[in-house]
Amino acid sequence: MTTDIPNFVLYVSMGLVFALVYYKTGRLEVSIMVHFFNKAIGAIAMILMKEFWAAVGCLFTPSNFELYSLIQS
């Protein structure tokens, strides 16, 4: 369960979208497809960002930068 307000609002709004899609179509499969496409967009964005950081030759991607800052402190 989420403990912060922004994540709570995000999860409730997505739940409402899935419920509305089910209500309008009457088919659970359509809600599942909407969920799949929502997750696929996020996965594709993460893959593209990883390729972007590699293409620009950046040594410090966001995750590497966090690790580097922990080592230096």
PDB file of N, CA and C in Angstrom:
ATOM      1  N   MET A   1       0.843  -1.184   0.000  1.00  0.00           N
ATOM      2  CA  MET A   1       0.000   0.000   0.000  1.00  0.00           C
ATOM      3  C   MET A   1       0.880   1.236   0.000  1.00  0.00           C
ATOM      4  N   THR A   2       0.481   2.214  -0.771  1.00  0.00           N
ATOM      5  CA  THR A   2       1.262   3.450  -0.860  1.00  0.00           C
ATOM      6  C   THR A   2       1.054   4.319   0.367  1.00  0.00           C
ATOM      7  N   THR A   3       2.083   5.055   0.704  1.00  0.00           N
ATOM      8  CA  THR A   3       2.008   5.885   1.905  1.00  0.00           C
ATOM      9  C   THR A   3       2.116   7.367   1.600  1.00  0.00           C
ATOM     10  N   ASP A   4       2.304   7.748   0.337  1.00  0.00           N
ATOM     11  CA  ASP A   4       2.373   9.167   0.020  1.00  0.00           C
ATOM     12  C   ASP A   4       1.233   9.569  -0.912  1.00  0.00           C
ATOM     13  N   ILE A   5       0.866  10.816  -0.833  1.00  0.00           N
ATOM     14  CA  ILE A   5      -0.308  11.329  -1.543  1.00  0.00           C
ATOM     15  C   ILE A   5      -0.156  11.259  -3.068  1.00  0.00           C
ATOM     16  N   PRO A   6       0.984  11.685  -3.656  1.00  0.00           N
ATOM     17  CA  PRO A   6       1.068  11.630  -5.131  1.00  0.00           C
ATOM     18  C   PRO A   6       0.883  10.216  -5.697  1.00  0.00           C
ATOM     19  N   ASN A   7       1.497   9.217  -5.090  1.00  0.00           N
ATOM     20  CA  ASN A   7       1.319   7.851  -5.574  1.00  0.00           C
ATOM     21  C   ASN A   7      -0.109   7.374  -5.365  1.00  0.00           C
ATOM     22  N   PHE A   8      -0.705   7.754  -4.261  1.00  0.00           N
ATOM     23  CA  PHE A   8      -2.095   7.385  -4.002  1.00  0.00           C
ATOM     24  C   PHE A   8      -2.997   7.946  -5.091  1.00  0.00           C
ATOM     25  N   VAL A   9      -2.807   9.211  -5.433  1.00  0.00           N
ATOM     26  CA  VAL A   9      -3.625   9.845  -6.474  1.00  0.00           C
ATOM     27  C   VAL A   9      -3.395   9.151  -7.818  1.00  0.00           C
ATOM     28  N   LEU A  10      -2.149   8.817  -8.124  1.00  0.00           N
ATOM     29  CA  LEU A  10      -1.833   8.135  -9.374  1.00  0.00           C
ATOM     30  C   LEU A  10      -2.535   6.787  -9.454  1.00  0.00           C
ATOM     31  N   TYR A  11      -2.439   5.980  -8.398  1.00  0.00           N
ATOM     32  CA  TYR A  11      -3.046   4.647  -8.410  1.00  0.00           C
ATOM     33  C   TYR A  11      -4.571   4.716  -8.457  1.00  0.00           C
ATOM     34  N   VAL A  12      -5.144   5.646  -7.745  1.00  0.00           N
ATOM     35  CA  VAL A  12      -6.607   5.790  -7.769  1.00  0.00           C
ATOM     36  C   VAL A  12      -7.071   6.235  -9.154  1.00  0.00           C
ATOM     37  N   SER A  13      -6.355   7.178  -9.766  1.00  0.00           N
ATOM     38  CA  SER A  13      -6.767   7.656 -11.091  1.00  0.00           C
ATOM     39  C   SER A  13      -6.651   6.546 -12.138  1.00  0.00           C
ATOM     40  N   MET A  14      -5.584   5.755 -12.066  1.00  0.00           N
ATOM     41  CA  MET A  14      -5.469   4.652 -13.013  1.00  0.00           C
ATOM     42  C   MET A  14      -6.560   3.610 -12.760  1.00  0.00           C
ATOM     43  N   GLY A  15      -6.876   3.356 -11.515  1.00  0.00           N
ATOM     44  CA  GLY A  15      -7.964   2.441 -11.194  1.00  0.00           C
ATOM     45  C   GLY A  15      -9.289   2.936 -11.745  1.00  0.00           C
ATOM     46  N   LEU A  16      -9.511   4.230 -11.662  1.00  0.00           N
ATOM     47  CA  LEU A  16     -10.738   4.806 -12.218  1.00  0.00           C
ATOM     48  C   LEU A  16     -10.773   4.675 -13.740  1.00  0.00           C
ATOM     49  N   VAL A  17      -9.615   4.856 -14.379  1.00  0.00           N
ATOM     50  CA  VAL A  17      -9.558   4.682 -15.836  1.00  0.00           C
ATOM     51  C   VAL A  17      -9.903   3.247 -16.207  1.00  0.00           C
ATOM     52  N   PHE A  18      -9.298   2.283 -15.500  1.00  0.00           N
ATOM     53  CA  PHE A  18      -9.590   0.879 -15.789  1.00  0.00           C
ATOM     54  C   PHE A  18     -11.059   0.562 -15.533  1.00  0.00           C
ATOM     55  N   ALA A  19     -11.614   1.111 -14.475  1.00  0.00           N
ATOM     56  CA  ALA A  19     -13.028   0.878 -14.167  1.00  0.00           C
ATOM     57  C   ALA A  19     -13.928   1.494 -15.232  1.00  0.00           C
ATOM     58  N   LEU A  20     -13.581   2.692 -15.699  1.00  0.00           N
ATOM     59  CA  LEU A  20     -14.373   3.349 -16.736  1.00  0.00           C
ATOM     60  C   LEU A  20     -14.323   2.561 -18.043  1.00  0.00           C
ATOM     61  N   VAL A  21     -13.132   2.065 -18.389  1.00  0.00           N
ATOM     62  CA  VAL A  21     -13.013   1.261 -19.606  1.00  0.00           C
ATOM     63  C   VAL A  21     -13.874   0.002 -19.480  1.00  0.00           C
ATOM     64  N   TYR A  22     -13.828  -0.642 -18.320  1.00  0.00           N
ATOM     65  CA  TYR A  22     -14.654  -1.836 -18.117  1.00  0.00           C
ATOM     66  C   TYR A  22     -16.141  -1.488 -18.176  1.00  0.00           C
ATOM     67  N   TYR A  23     -16.504  -0.366 -17.562  1.00  0.00           N
ATOM     68  CA  TYR A  23     -17.908   0.046 -17.539  1.00  0.00           C
ATOM     69  C   TYR A  23     -18.421   0.324 -18.957  1.00  0.00           C
ATOM     70  N   LYS A  24     -17.590   0.987 -19.764  1.00  0.00           N
ATOM     71  CA  LYS A  24     -18.012   1.351 -21.116  1.00  0.00           C
ATOM     72  C   LYS A  24     -18.051   0.133 -22.052  1.00  0.00           C
ATOM     73  N   THR A  25     -17.098  -0.807 -21.881  1.00  0.00           N
ATOM     74  CA  THR A  25     -17.025  -1.932 -22.814  1.00  0.00           C
ATOM     75  C   THR A  25     -17.689  -3.188 -22.275  1.00  0.00           C
ATOM     76  N   GLY A  26     -17.719  -3.339 -20.949  1.00  0.00           N
ATOM     77  CA  GLY A  26     -18.269  -4.548 -20.349  1.00  0.00           C
ATOM     78  C   GLY A  26     -17.347  -5.756 -20.484  1.00  0.00           C
ATOM     79  N   ARG A  27     -16.106  -5.509 -20.894  1.00  0.00           N
ATOM     80  CA  ARG A  27     -15.151  -6.602 -21.093  1.00  0.00           C
ATOM     81  C   ARG A  27     -13.883  -6.340 -20.294  1.00  0.00           C
ATOM     82  N   LEU A  28     -13.518  -7.280 -19.461  1.00  0.00           N
ATOM     83  CA  LEU A  28     -12.317  -7.160 -18.646  1.00  0.00           C
ATOM     84  C   LEU A  28     -11.057  -7.167 -19.507  1.00  0.00           C
ATOM     85  N   GLU A  29     -11.114  -7.873 -20.642  1.00  0.00           N
ATOM     86  CA  GLU A  29      -9.952  -7.962 -21.517  1.00  0.00           C
ATOM     87  C   GLU A  29      -9.474  -6.599 -21.990  1.00  0.00           C
ATOM     88  N   VAL A  30     -10.405  -5.685 -22.223  1.00  0.00           N
ATOM     89  CA  VAL A  30     -10.046  -4.351 -22.699  1.00  0.00           C
ATOM     90  C   VAL A  30      -9.304  -3.591 -21.604  1.00  0.00           C
ATOM     91  N   SER A  31      -9.749  -3.708 -20.360  1.00  0.00           N
ATOM     92  CA  SER A  31      -9.046  -3.077 -19.252  1.00  0.00           C
ATOM     93  C   SER A  31      -7.639  -3.651 -19.099  1.00  0.00           C
ATOM     94  N   ILE A  32      -7.507  -4.948 -19.300  1.00  0.00           N
ATOM     95  CA  ILE A  32      -6.197  -5.589 -19.227  1.00  0.00           C
ATOM     96  C   ILE A  32      -5.299  -5.068 -20.344  1.00  0.00           C
ATOM     97  N   MET A  33      -5.847  -4.877 -21.537  1.00  0.00           N
ATOM     98  CA  MET A  33      -5.062  -4.334 -22.646  1.00  0.00           C
ATOM     99  C   MET A  33      -4.619  -2.900 -22.369  1.00  0.00           C
ATOM    100  N   VAL A  34      -5.483  -2.097 -21.773  1.00  0.00           N
ATOM    101  CA  VAL A  34      -5.117  -0.729 -21.412  1.00  0.00           C
ATOM    102  C   VAL A  34      -3.978  -0.756 -20.396  1.00  0.00           C
ATOM    103  N   HIS A  35      -4.054  -1.645 -19.428  1.00  0.00           N
ATOM    104  CA  HIS A  35      -2.993  -1.787 -18.434  1.00  0.00           C
ATOM    105  C   HIS A  35      -1.685  -2.205 -19.105  1.00  0.00           C
ATOM    106  N   PHE A  36      -1.760  -3.160 -20.037  1.00  0.00           N
ATOM    107  CA  PHE A  36      -0.577  -3.609 -20.752  1.00  0.00           C
ATOM    108  C   PHE A  36       0.073  -2.460 -21.512  1.00  0.00           C
ATOM    109  N   PHE A  37      -0.726  -1.689 -22.258  1.00  0.00           N
ATOM    110  CA  PHE A  37      -0.166  -0.587 -23.032  1.00  0.00           C
ATOM    111  C   PHE A  37       0.418   0.496 -22.123  1.00  0.00           C
ATOM    112  N   ASN A  38      -0.204   0.729 -20.987  1.00  0.00           N
ATOM    113  CA  ASN A  38       0.330   1.688 -20.025  1.00  0.00           C
ATOM    114  C   ASN A  38       1.720   1.250 -19.552  1.00  0.00           C
ATOM    115  N   LYS A  39       1.859  -0.018 -19.200  1.00  0.00           N
ATOM    116  CA  LYS A  39       3.154  -0.541 -18.749  1.00  0.00           C
ATOM    117  C   LYS A  39       4.164  -0.590 -19.896  1.00  0.00           C
ATOM    118  N   ALA A  40       3.708  -0.907 -21.099  1.00  0.00           N
ATOM    119  CA  ALA A  40       4.608  -0.986 -22.254  1.00  0.00           C
ATOM    120  C   ALA A  40       5.209   0.376 -22.585  1.00  0.00           C
ATOM    121  N   ILE A  41       4.409   1.424 -22.473  1.00  0.00           N
ATOM    122  CA  ILE A  41       4.921   2.771 -22.738  1.00  0.00           C
ATOM    123  C   ILE A  41       6.045   3.109 -21.756  1.00  0.00           C
ATOM    124  N   GLY A  42       5.855   2.777 -20.486  1.00  0.00           N
ATOM    125  CA  GLY A  42       6.900   3.020 -19.493  1.00  0.00           C
ATOM    126  C   GLY A  42       8.151   2.209 -19.755  1.00  0.00           C
ATOM    127  N   ALA A  43       7.981   0.957 -20.147  1.00  0.00           N
ATOM    128  CA  ALA A  43       9.137   0.091 -20.423  1.00  0.00           C
ATOM    129  C   ALA A  43       9.908   0.598 -21.637  1.00  0.00           C
ATOM    130  N   ILE A  44       9.200   0.994 -22.679  1.00  0.00           N
ATOM    131  CA  ILE A  44       9.864   1.515 -23.878  1.00  0.00           C
ATOM    132  C   ILE A  44      10.604   2.806 -23.552  1.00  0.00           C
ATOM    133  N   ALA A  45      10.002   3.657 -22.746  1.00  0.00           N
ATOM    134  CA  ALA A  45      10.666   4.903 -22.359  1.00  0.00           C
ATOM    135  C   ALA A  45      11.951   4.620 -21.591  1.00  0.00           C
ATOM    136  N   MET A  46      11.929   3.645 -20.699  1.00  0.00           N
ATOM    137  CA  MET A  46      13.146   3.305 -19.946  1.00  0.00           C
ATOM    138  C   MET A  46      14.228   2.756 -20.870  1.00  0.00           C
ATOM    139  N   ILE A  47      13.849   1.930 -21.831  1.00  0.00           N
ATOM    140  CA  ILE A  47      14.826   1.383 -22.782  1.00  0.00           C
ATOM    141  C   ILE A  47      15.431   2.497 -23.620  1.00  0.00           C
ATOM    142  N   LEU A  48      14.596   3.415 -24.099  1.00  0.00           N
ATOM    143  CA  LEU A  48      15.099   4.516 -24.913  1.00  0.00           C
ATOM    144  C   LEU A  48      16.008   5.436 -24.110  1.00  0.00           C
ATOM    145  N   MET A  49      15.680   5.672 -22.852  1.00  0.00           N
ATOM    146  CA  MET A  49      16.536   6.526 -22.023  1.00  0.00           C
ATOM    147  C   MET A  49      17.882   5.864 -21.789  1.00  0.00           C
ATOM    148  N   LYS A  50      17.911   4.556 -21.593  1.00  0.00           N
ATOM    149  CA  LYS A  50      19.172   3.849 -21.405  1.00  0.00           C
ATOM    150  C   LYS A  50      20.018   3.968 -22.669  1.00  0.00           C
ATOM    151  N   GLU A  51      19.399   3.798 -23.840  1.00  0.00           N
ATOM    152  CA  GLU A  51      20.120   3.939 -25.094  1.00  0.00           C
ATOM    153  C   GLU A  51      20.580   5.376 -25.298  1.00  0.00           C
ATOM    154  N   PHE A  52      19.780   6.351 -24.868  1.00  0.00           N
ATOM    155  CA  PHE A  52      20.171   7.754 -24.985  1.00  0.00           C
ATOM    156  C   PHE A  52      21.415   8.034 -24.168  1.00  0.00           C
ATOM    157  N   TRP A  53      21.445   7.585 -22.918  1.00  0.00           N
ATOM    158  CA  TRP A  53      22.613   7.832 -22.074  1.00  0.00           C
ATOM    159  C   TRP A  53      23.842   7.155 -22.645  1.00  0.00           C
ATOM    160  N   ALA A  54      23.683   5.977 -23.231  1.00  0.00           N
ATOM    161  CA  ALA A  54      24.814   5.286 -23.847  1.00  0.00           C
ATOM    162  C   ALA A  54      25.271   6.011 -25.109  1.00  0.00           C
ATOM    163  N   ALA A  55      24.336   6.543 -25.889  1.00  0.00           N
ATOM    164  CA  ALA A  55      24.670   7.211 -27.148  1.00  0.00           C
ATOM    165  C   ALA A  55      25.438   8.507 -26.918  1.00  0.00           C
ATOM    166  N   VAL A  56      25.103   9.233 -25.876  1.00  0.00           N
ATOM    167  CA  VAL A  56      25.808  10.492 -25.622  1.00  0.00           C
ATOM    168  C   VAL A  56      27.110  10.252 -24.867  1.00  0.00           C
ATOM    169  N   GLY A  57      27.378   9.005 -24.538  1.00  0.00           N
ATOM    170  CA  GLY A  57      28.638   8.672 -23.888  1.00  0.00           C
ATOM    171  C   GLY A  57      28.735   9.191 -22.469  1.00  0.00           C
ATOM    172  N   CYS A  58      27.612   9.306 -21.829  1.00  0.00           N
ATOM    173  CA  CYS A  58      27.601   9.836 -20.468  1.00  0.00           C
ATOM    174  C   CYS A  58      28.019   8.748 -19.488  1.00  0.00           C
ATOM    175  N   LEU A  59      29.054   9.041 -18.722  1.00  0.00           N
ATOM    176  CA  LEU A  59      29.534   8.087 -17.737  1.00  0.00           C
ATOM    177  C   LEU A  59      28.549   7.966 -16.584  1.00  0.00           C
ATOM    178  N   PHE A  60      27.899   9.079 -16.254  1.00  0.00           N
ATOM    179  CA  PHE A  60      27.035   9.103 -15.078  1.00  0.00           C
ATOM    180  C   PHE A  60      25.573   9.117 -15.496  1.00  0.00           C
ATOM    181  N   THR A  61      25.023   7.948 -15.716  1.00  0.00           N
ATOM    182  CA  THR A  61      23.582   7.855 -15.883  1.00  0.00           C
ATOM    183  C   THR A  61      22.975   8.130 -14.515  1.00  0.00           C
ATOM    184  N   PRO A  62      21.703   8.439 -14.420  1.00  0.00           N
ATOM    185  CA  PRO A  62      21.137   8.751 -13.106  1.00  0.00           C
ATOM    186  C   PRO A  62      21.410   7.691 -12.044  1.00  0.00           C
ATOM    187  N   SER A  63      21.304   6.416 -12.384  1.00  0.00           N
ATOM    188  CA  SER A  63      21.538   5.388 -11.371  1.00  0.00           C
ATOM    189  C   SER A  63      23.013   5.306 -11.007  1.00  0.00           C
ATOM    190  N   ASN A  64      23.905   5.449 -11.991  1.00  0.00           N
ATOM    191  CA  ASN A  64      25.338   5.437 -11.700  1.00  0.00           C
ATOM    192  C   ASN A  64      25.741   6.647 -10.884  1.00  0.00           C
ATOM    193  N   PHE A  65      25.108   7.798 -11.142  1.00  0.00           N
ATOM    194  CA  PHE A  65      25.437   9.005 -10.403  1.00  0.00           C
ATOM    195  C   PHE A  65      25.087   8.857  -8.927  1.00  0.00           C
ATOM    196  N   GLU A  66      23.946   8.233  -8.642  1.00  0.00           N
ATOM    197  CA  GLU A  66      23.573   8.012  -7.248  1.00  0.00           C
ATOM    198  C   GLU A  66      24.572   7.105  -6.558  1.00  0.00           C
ATOM    199  N   LEU A  67      24.998   6.063  -7.248  1.00  0.00           N
ATOM    200  CA  LEU A  67      25.987   5.153  -6.690  1.00  0.00           C
ATOM    201  C   LEU A  67      27.304   5.875  -6.474  1.00  0.00           C
ATOM    202  N   TYR A  68      27.734   6.690  -7.431  1.00  0.00           N
ATOM    203  CA  TYR A  68      28.979   7.443  -7.321  1.00  0.00           C
ATOM    204  C   TYR A  68      28.944   8.399  -6.131  1.00  0.00           C
ATOM    205  N   SER A  69      27.811   9.074  -5.937  1.00  0.00           N
ATOM    206  CA  SER A  69      27.715  10.017  -4.824  1.00  0.00           C
ATOM    207  C   SER A  69      27.758   9.285  -3.483  1.00  0.00           C
ATOM    208  N   LEU A  70      27.236   8.072  -3.426  1.00  0.00           N
ATOM    209  CA  LEU A  70      27.311   7.300  -2.177  1.00  0.00           C
ATOM    210  C   LEU A  70      28.748   6.884  -1.879  1.00  0.00           C
ATOM    211  N   ILE A  71      29.495   6.533  -2.913  1.00  0.00           N
ATOM    212  CA  ILE A  71      30.885   6.103  -2.726  1.00  0.00           C
ATOM    213  C   ILE A  71      31.737   7.276  -2.255  1.00  0.00           C
ATOM    214  N   GLN A  72      31.486   8.455  -2.785  1.00  0.00           N
ATOM    215  CA  GLN A  72      32.303   9.628  -2.461  1.00  0.00           C
ATOM    216  C   GLN A  72      32.043  10.162  -1.048  1.00  0.00           C
ATOM    217  N   SER A  73      30.911   9.889  -0.476  1.00  0.00           N
ATOM    218  CA  SER A  73      30.584  10.450   0.844  1.00  0.00           C
ATOM    219  C   SER A  73      31.120   9.625   1.984  1.00  0.00           C
TER     220      SER A  73
END
